[in-house]
Protein backbone atom coordinates (compact mmCIF):
# COMPACT_ATOMS: atom_id res chain seq x y z
CA MET A 1 55.51 79.93 -33.41
CA THR A 2 56.66 78.76 -36.66
CA PHE A 3 54.74 75.65 -37.73
CA GLN A 4 56.59 73.10 -40.18
CA ASP A 5 55.00 70.58 -42.87
CA GLY A 6 51.68 71.36 -41.32
CA LYS A 7 52.64 70.37 -37.09
CA ILE A 8 52.38 72.11 -33.80
CA PRO A 9 54.67 72.43 -31.60
CA ILE A 10 54.97 70.67 -28.15
CA PRO A 11 56.73 72.54 -25.92
CA PRO A 12 58.24 70.70 -23.56
CA ILE A 13 58.37 69.09 -20.21
CA ASP A 14 60.17 69.82 -17.49
CA LEU A 15 59.12 67.08 -15.21
CA THR A 16 61.68 68.72 -12.46
CA LYS A 17 59.35 71.30 -11.10
CA MET A 18 55.62 68.44 -11.48
CA LYS A 19 54.71 67.78 -7.65
CA PRO A 20 52.64 64.98 -6.76
CA PRO A 21 48.82 65.83 -4.95
CA LYS A 22 48.91 66.04 -1.39
CA MET A 23 46.42 63.40 0.40
CA ASN A 24 45.34 63.94 3.65
CA PRO A 25 46.45 61.04 6.51
CA LYS A 26 42.64 60.46 7.73
CA PHE A 27 41.05 60.30 4.22
CA ILE A 28 43.42 57.42 3.54
CA ALA A 29 42.92 55.41 7.25
CA ALA A 30 38.91 56.41 6.63
CA ALA A 31 39.06 54.55 2.71
CA ALA A 32 41.17 52.30 3.88
CA ALA A 33 38.58 51.23 7.25
CA LEU A 34 35.32 52.01 4.65
CA ALA A 35 36.65 49.54 1.95
CA VAL A 36 37.93 47.21 5.50
CA ILE A 37 34.57 46.81 6.81
CA ALA A 38 33.15 46.74 3.04
CA GLY A 39 34.48 43.39 2.47
CA LEU A 40 33.74 41.73 6.26
CA VAL A 41 29.86 42.63 5.04
CA THR A 42 30.22 41.52 1.39
CA THR A 43 32.50 37.96 2.74
CA GLY A 44 31.38 37.84 5.53
CA LEU A 45 27.62 37.94 5.43
CA TYR A 46 24.92 35.93 4.00
CA GLN A 47 21.68 34.81 4.79
CA VAL A 48 19.78 30.63 4.25
CA LYS A 49 16.78 30.42 3.49
CA PRO A 50 13.81 28.41 5.63
CA GLU A 51 13.95 25.16 3.60
CA GLU A 52 18.03 25.31 3.72
CA VAL A 53 21.49 24.79 5.99
CA GLY A 54 24.08 26.19 5.82
CA VAL A 55 27.48 23.94 5.80
CA VAL A 56 30.49 26.10 6.36
CA LEU A 57 34.27 25.14 5.40
CA ARG A 58 36.52 26.71 7.52
CA LEU A 59 39.92 26.32 5.80
CA GLY A 60 38.83 22.90 3.90
CA ARG A 61 37.51 21.52 7.80
CA TYR A 62 33.93 20.54 8.57
CA VAL A 63 31.82 23.24 11.06
CA HIS A 64 29.46 21.89 13.12
CA PRO A 65 26.24 22.33 13.65
CA PRO A 66 25.39 23.94 9.95
CA ALA A 67 24.68 27.45 9.97
CA GLN A 68 20.14 27.67 10.44
CA PRO A 69 17.63 29.34 8.80
CA GLY A 70 18.39 33.56 8.69
CA LEU A 71 21.30 35.67 8.96
CA ASN A 72 25.07 34.45 9.35
CA PHE A 73 27.99 35.77 10.47
CA LYS A 74 30.68 33.92 8.74
CA LEU A 75 35.49 34.21 8.60
CA PRO A 76 35.73 36.87 5.44
CA PHE A 77 38.28 36.36 2.29
CA GLY A 78 38.03 33.16 1.79
CA ILE A 79 38.50 31.47 4.68
CA ASP A 80 35.15 29.69 5.51
CA ARG A 81 33.23 28.33 2.65
CA VAL A 82 29.35 28.23 2.99
CA TYR A 83 27.03 25.51 1.29
CA LYS A 84 23.36 26.22 1.61
CA VAL A 85 21.92 22.28 1.44
CA PRO A 86 17.41 22.92 1.36
CA VAL A 87 17.51 20.45 3.83
CA GLN A 88 13.38 20.73 4.52
CA ARG A 89 13.10 20.08 0.52
CA GLN A 90 11.25 17.09 -1.29
CA LEU A 91 13.58 17.04 -4.26
CA LYS A 92 13.04 14.88 -7.35
CA GLU A 93 13.68 12.80 -9.74
CA GLU A 94 12.87 12.04 -13.26
CA PHE A 95 13.61 8.88 -15.64
CA GLY A 96 12.90 8.07 -18.73
CA PHE A 97 11.28 11.65 -19.25
CA ARG A 98 11.76 15.40 -18.37
CA THR A 99 9.02 17.80 -16.85
CA SER A 100 10.04 21.56 -19.11
CA LYS A 101 6.90 23.37 -17.72
CA ALA A 102 5.36 22.39 -14.30
CA GLY A 103 1.90 24.26 -13.57
CA VAL A 104 -0.72 23.33 -14.30
CA ARG A 105 -0.94 22.10 -17.72
CA THR A 106 2.37 20.84 -17.38
CA GLN A 107 4.56 20.97 -20.23
CA TYR A 108 7.48 17.81 -21.01
CA SER A 109 10.77 18.59 -23.26
CA LYS A 110 9.62 16.42 -26.08
CA ALA A 111 13.97 14.45 -26.15
CA SER A 112 13.60 10.83 -25.82
CA PHE A 113 15.35 9.02 -22.96
CA GLU A 114 14.63 5.45 -23.98
CA ASP A 115 18.50 4.87 -22.85
CA GLU A 116 16.56 5.39 -19.16
CA SER A 117 12.80 3.91 -19.70
CA LEU A 118 13.50 0.94 -21.79
CA MET A 119 13.74 -2.32 -19.53
CA LEU A 120 13.71 -5.56 -20.52
CA THR A 121 11.10 -7.95 -18.18
CA GLY A 122 11.60 -11.41 -16.62
CA ASP A 123 9.55 -12.77 -18.95
CA LEU A 124 12.64 -11.47 -22.12
CA ASN A 125 9.40 -8.47 -23.43
CA ALA A 126 10.22 -5.55 -23.62
CA ALA A 127 8.91 -1.84 -21.62
CA VAL A 128 9.54 1.63 -21.62
CA VAL A 129 9.27 2.75 -18.13
CA GLU A 130 8.70 6.15 -16.82
CA TRP A 131 8.77 6.97 -12.79
CA ILE A 132 9.92 9.73 -10.19
CA VAL A 133 11.84 8.81 -7.24
CA GLN A 134 11.18 11.54 -4.59
CA TYR A 135 13.31 12.08 -1.67
CA ARG A 136 14.86 15.03 0.96
CA ILE A 137 18.63 15.36 2.25
CA ASN A 138 18.38 13.77 5.84
CA ASP A 139 22.38 14.61 6.52
CA PRO A 140 23.82 17.97 4.67
CA PHE A 141 27.87 16.58 5.43
CA LYS A 142 26.92 12.83 3.92
CA PHE A 143 25.35 14.40 0.94
CA LEU A 144 28.53 16.76 0.05
CA PHE A 145 31.28 15.24 1.06
CA ARG A 146 30.66 10.79 1.61
CA VAL A 147 30.13 10.63 -2.60
CA ARG A 148 31.42 12.25 -5.26
CA ARG A 149 29.04 13.82 -7.55
CA VAL A 150 25.83 12.14 -5.56
CA ARG A 151 23.15 13.03 -8.23
CA GLU A 152 24.01 11.41 -10.29
CA THR A 153 25.42 8.22 -7.60
CA PHE A 154 22.68 8.10 -6.74
CA ARG A 155 20.22 8.95 -10.23
CA ASP A 156 22.85 5.63 -11.57
CA MET A 157 22.02 3.65 -8.15
CA THR A 158 17.80 4.43 -8.47
CA GLU A 159 17.85 3.23 -12.50
CA ALA A 160 20.17 -0.02 -11.83
CA THR A 161 17.61 -0.69 -8.78
CA MET A 162 14.68 -0.66 -10.89
CA ARG A 163 16.14 -2.51 -13.45
CA GLU A 164 16.79 -5.35 -11.50
CA ILE A 165 13.33 -5.56 -9.94
CA VAL A 166 11.51 -5.50 -13.13
CA GLY A 167 13.72 -7.81 -14.76
CA ASP A 168 12.56 -9.94 -12.47
CA ARG A 169 8.96 -9.91 -13.11
CA THR A 170 7.18 -10.63 -16.16
CA VAL A 171 5.49 -7.87 -18.72
CA ASN A 172 1.88 -7.89 -17.35
CA GLU A 173 2.83 -7.77 -13.79
CA VAL A 174 4.72 -4.40 -14.58
CA LEU A 175 1.87 -2.67 -16.80
CA THR A 176 -1.04 -4.20 -14.19
CA ILE A 177 -1.23 -5.72 -10.74
CA GLY A 178 2.12 -5.05 -9.95
CA ARG A 179 2.81 -1.83 -10.48
CA GLN A 180 2.19 -1.05 -6.80
CA GLU A 181 4.76 -3.69 -5.25
CA ILE A 182 7.89 -3.04 -7.55
CA GLU A 183 7.36 0.53 -6.71
CA THR A 184 7.38 -0.12 -3.04
CA VAL A 185 10.38 -3.23 -3.30
CA VAL A 186 12.94 -0.67 -5.20
CA GLU A 187 12.24 2.22 -2.27
CA GLU A 188 12.70 -0.26 -0.13
CA LYS A 189 15.90 -1.36 -1.66
CA LEU A 190 16.53 2.39 -3.21
CA GLN A 191 16.78 3.22 -0.24
CA GLU A 192 18.93 0.25 1.85
CA LEU A 193 21.89 1.30 -1.14
CA CYS A 194 22.02 4.85 -0.30
CA ASN A 195 21.99 3.64 3.87
CA GLN A 196 24.98 2.27 2.08
CA TYR A 197 26.54 4.52 0.53
CA ASP A 198 26.37 7.40 3.13
CA THR A 199 24.81 9.87 0.26
CA GLY A 200 22.56 11.21 3.03
CA ILE A 201 19.44 11.02 1.16
CA THR A 202 15.63 9.40 2.56
CA VAL A 203 13.79 8.76 0.06
CA ASP A 204 10.32 9.55 0.15
CA LYS A 205 8.25 8.05 -2.61
CA VAL A 206 9.00 5.85 -5.93
CA VAL A 207 5.67 6.80 -8.32
CA LEU A 208 5.54 4.86 -12.11
CA GLN A 209 4.94 7.16 -14.73
CA ASP A 210 3.81 5.24 -17.24
CA VAL A 211 4.55 2.06 -18.21
CA ASN A 212 3.97 1.10 -21.99
CA PRO A 213 5.45 -1.08 -24.72
CA PRO A 214 7.73 -0.15 -27.46
CA ASP A 215 5.91 1.84 -29.92
CA PHE A 216 7.70 -0.76 -32.91
CA VAL A 217 5.46 -3.41 -30.62
CA LYS A 218 2.54 -1.38 -29.80
CA PRO A 219 0.03 -3.07 -32.36
CA SER A 220 0.20 -6.67 -31.37
CA PHE A 221 0.82 -5.65 -27.30
CA ASN A 222 -2.30 -4.32 -28.33
CA GLU A 223 -4.42 -7.02 -29.99
CA VAL A 224 -2.67 -9.47 -27.07
CA ASN A 225 -4.45 -7.04 -24.32
CA GLN A 226 -7.54 -7.68 -26.47
CA ALA A 227 -7.50 -11.54 -26.27
CA GLN A 228 -7.09 -11.77 -23.24
CA GLN A 229 -9.73 -9.20 -22.86
CA GLU A 230 -12.17 -11.29 -24.71
CA ARG A 231 -10.78 -14.08 -22.47
CA GLU A 232 -11.72 -12.96 -19.16
CA LYS A 233 -14.88 -11.42 -20.44
CA LEU A 234 -16.30 -15.30 -21.33
CA ILE A 235 -15.19 -16.82 -18.07
CA ASN A 236 -16.94 -13.68 -16.65
CA GLN A 237 -20.17 -15.13 -18.06
CA ALA A 238 -19.18 -18.25 -17.85
CA ARG A 239 -18.84 -17.99 -14.48
CA SER A 240 -22.25 -16.08 -14.20
CA GLU A 241 -24.04 -18.60 -15.82
CA TYR A 242 -22.21 -21.02 -13.33
CA ASN A 243 -23.57 -18.83 -10.15
CA GLN A 244 -26.91 -19.25 -11.62
CA ILE A 245 -26.69 -22.77 -12.68
CA ILE A 246 -25.28 -24.52 -9.56
CA PRO A 247 -26.57 -22.53 -6.69
CA LYS A 248 -30.13 -23.66 -8.01
CA ALA A 249 -29.02 -27.09 -8.58
CA ARG A 250 -27.62 -27.68 -5.51
CA GLY A 251 -31.08 -26.03 -3.38
CA GLU A 252 -33.03 -28.36 -5.68
CA ALA A 253 -30.77 -30.95 -5.31
CA GLU A 254 -30.99 -30.68 -1.02
CA GLU A 255 -35.10 -30.08 -1.33
CA THR A 256 -35.20 -33.05 -2.94
CA ILE A 257 -33.19 -34.67 0.34
CA GLN A 258 -35.20 -33.16 2.48
CA ASN A 259 -38.73 -33.84 1.65
CA ALA A 260 -36.79 -37.76 0.92
CA GLU A 261 -35.84 -37.85 4.57
CA GLY A 262 -39.27 -36.24 5.70
CA TYR A 263 -40.67 -39.40 4.12
CA ALA A 264 -38.66 -41.78 5.01
CA LEU A 265 -39.22 -40.32 9.19
CA ASP A 266 -42.82 -40.05 8.49
CA ARG A 267 -43.00 -43.97 7.12
CA VAL A 268 -41.32 -45.35 9.56
CA ASN A 269 -42.60 -43.86 12.45
CA ARG A 270 -45.99 -45.12 10.83
CA ALA A 271 -44.82 -48.25 10.47
CA LYS A 272 -43.47 -47.79 14.59
CA GLY A 273 -46.53 -46.71 14.99
CA GLU A 274 -49.26 -49.38 13.04
CA ALA A 275 -46.62 -52.10 14.13
CA ALA A 276 -47.28 -50.77 18.21
CA ARG A 277 -51.29 -50.82 17.45
CA PHE A 278 -50.76 -54.51 15.80
CA SER A 279 -49.11 -55.57 18.95
CA SER A 280 -51.28 -53.79 21.41
CA LEU A 281 -54.27 -55.47 20.15
CA TYR A 282 -52.74 -58.98 19.79
CA ALA A 283 -52.03 -58.85 23.46
CA GLU A 284 -55.71 -57.53 24.12
CA TYR A 285 -56.80 -60.82 21.90
CA ARG A 286 -54.87 -63.22 23.59
CA LYS A 287 -57.18 -62.37 26.41
CA ALA A 288 -60.64 -62.03 24.57
CA PRO A 289 -60.76 -63.99 21.16
CA VAL A 290 -64.12 -63.73 20.15
CA VAL A 291 -64.82 -60.14 21.07
CA THR A 292 -62.02 -58.40 19.89
CA ARG A 293 -62.44 -60.76 16.98
CA ARG A 294 -65.84 -59.57 16.87
CA ARG A 295 -65.29 -55.80 17.99
CA LEU A 296 -62.26 -55.62 14.58
CA TYR A 297 -65.07 -56.41 12.78
CA LEU A 298 -67.69 -53.71 13.57
CA GLU A 299 -64.61 -51.33 12.96
CA THR A 300 -63.87 -52.93 9.58
CA LEU A 301 -66.99 -52.76 8.19
CA GLY A 302 -67.89 -48.56 10.68
CA GLU A 303 -64.64 -48.03 7.79
CA ILE A 304 -65.69 -49.19 4.95
CA LEU A 305 -69.41 -49.25 4.33
CA PRO A 306 -69.14 -45.10 4.74
CA GLN A 307 -67.25 -45.13 1.59
CA ALA A 308 -69.40 -48.36 -0.06
CA GLY A 309 -72.65 -45.84 -1.18
CA ARG A 310 -76.22 -46.25 -0.67
CA LYS A 311 -76.44 -50.27 -0.31
CA ILE A 312 -80.40 -52.33 1.09
CA ILE A 313 -78.42 -55.45 2.68
CA ILE A 314 -81.20 -57.95 2.94
CA ASP A 315 -81.68 -61.44 5.12
CA GLU A 316 -81.61 -64.11 3.15
CA GLU A 317 -83.97 -66.11 4.84
CA ALA A 318 -86.14 -63.33 4.44
CA LYS A 319 -88.41 -64.49 2.36
CA GLY A 320 -91.93 -62.96 0.32
CA PHE A 321 -90.30 -59.82 -0.69
CA ILE A 322 -91.06 -56.86 -3.06
CA PRO A 323 -88.42 -55.91 -4.72
CA LEU A 324 -89.66 -51.46 -6.03
CA LEU A 325 -87.92 -50.11 -7.98
CA ASP A 326 -86.83 -46.83 -7.11
CA LEU A 327 -87.74 -44.26 -10.33
CA ARG A 328 -86.63 -41.09 -8.20
CA GLY A 329 -84.85 -38.80 -10.39
CA LYS A 330 -83.67 -41.48 -12.37
CA GLU A 331 -84.17 -42.35 -16.64
CA VAL A 332 -86.25 -46.03 -16.91
CA LYS A 333 -84.51 -47.77 -19.63
CA PRO A 334 -86.57 -49.95 -21.50
């Protein structure tokens, strides 16, 4: 073997003497069978979780009923396609904010979503409304195939409905007393739209998370709120004084009226009694004028004399009467 130019010479290869290795037909059949079985297992078996159902399309056509939770079999090699839909899970959509990490201390995304939450109220005031919609999928077929991009469509319907309801109310209603009503009305109208568009969605609840004025008007809005609170405070104080004074005055007036009515009734009854007494005396007087006159005279004296103190009555025709000065317990004046 000689070396030229520092290279190792390569001997020529005779391809006519090379023979392919011999393959066992049984081994080939076994390998093919294993490949088919592996394909059947990997493409034919699938698992459906307890909160899901499997919607099966066979060559693009819907197969009814949906596959139930557990281990299921479908036609392999792409003949059947399975879409898993969480029909038992409560889903939610967030508007105006996003939850980045849920837990005991929930963390929220710091990104701004004012394009969703900034709204105009009925009295031409701005408000930042953040809310959550909780919903379930009641018809997996409609949810998958009736509406294209159903999640985006559902969010658009929710935002449009919320803007419509908020736009019909004042900013005070949106921020304070009207929150519960807004949640109820939005839930009803949103469910009507979901039924109308065959989305297969059932709206469970609409919750207003936070409603505030925009940051650039918060100072002015807080001043207005303080003025309104002061007004309410003064109104409540006035009502408190009113409740203290007016019922007392009404009670005193009622007492005065009742006393007057009692006095009037007493005077009337006394007058009626005296009139009846006079009538009876007059009737007796007509029967015996002299006797009745004397009796009235004596009865009158019987009432007057005890009130006149000690009196001494002397007959004007008596003579020889010697007046005595009573010195008992009295000071004699010169």
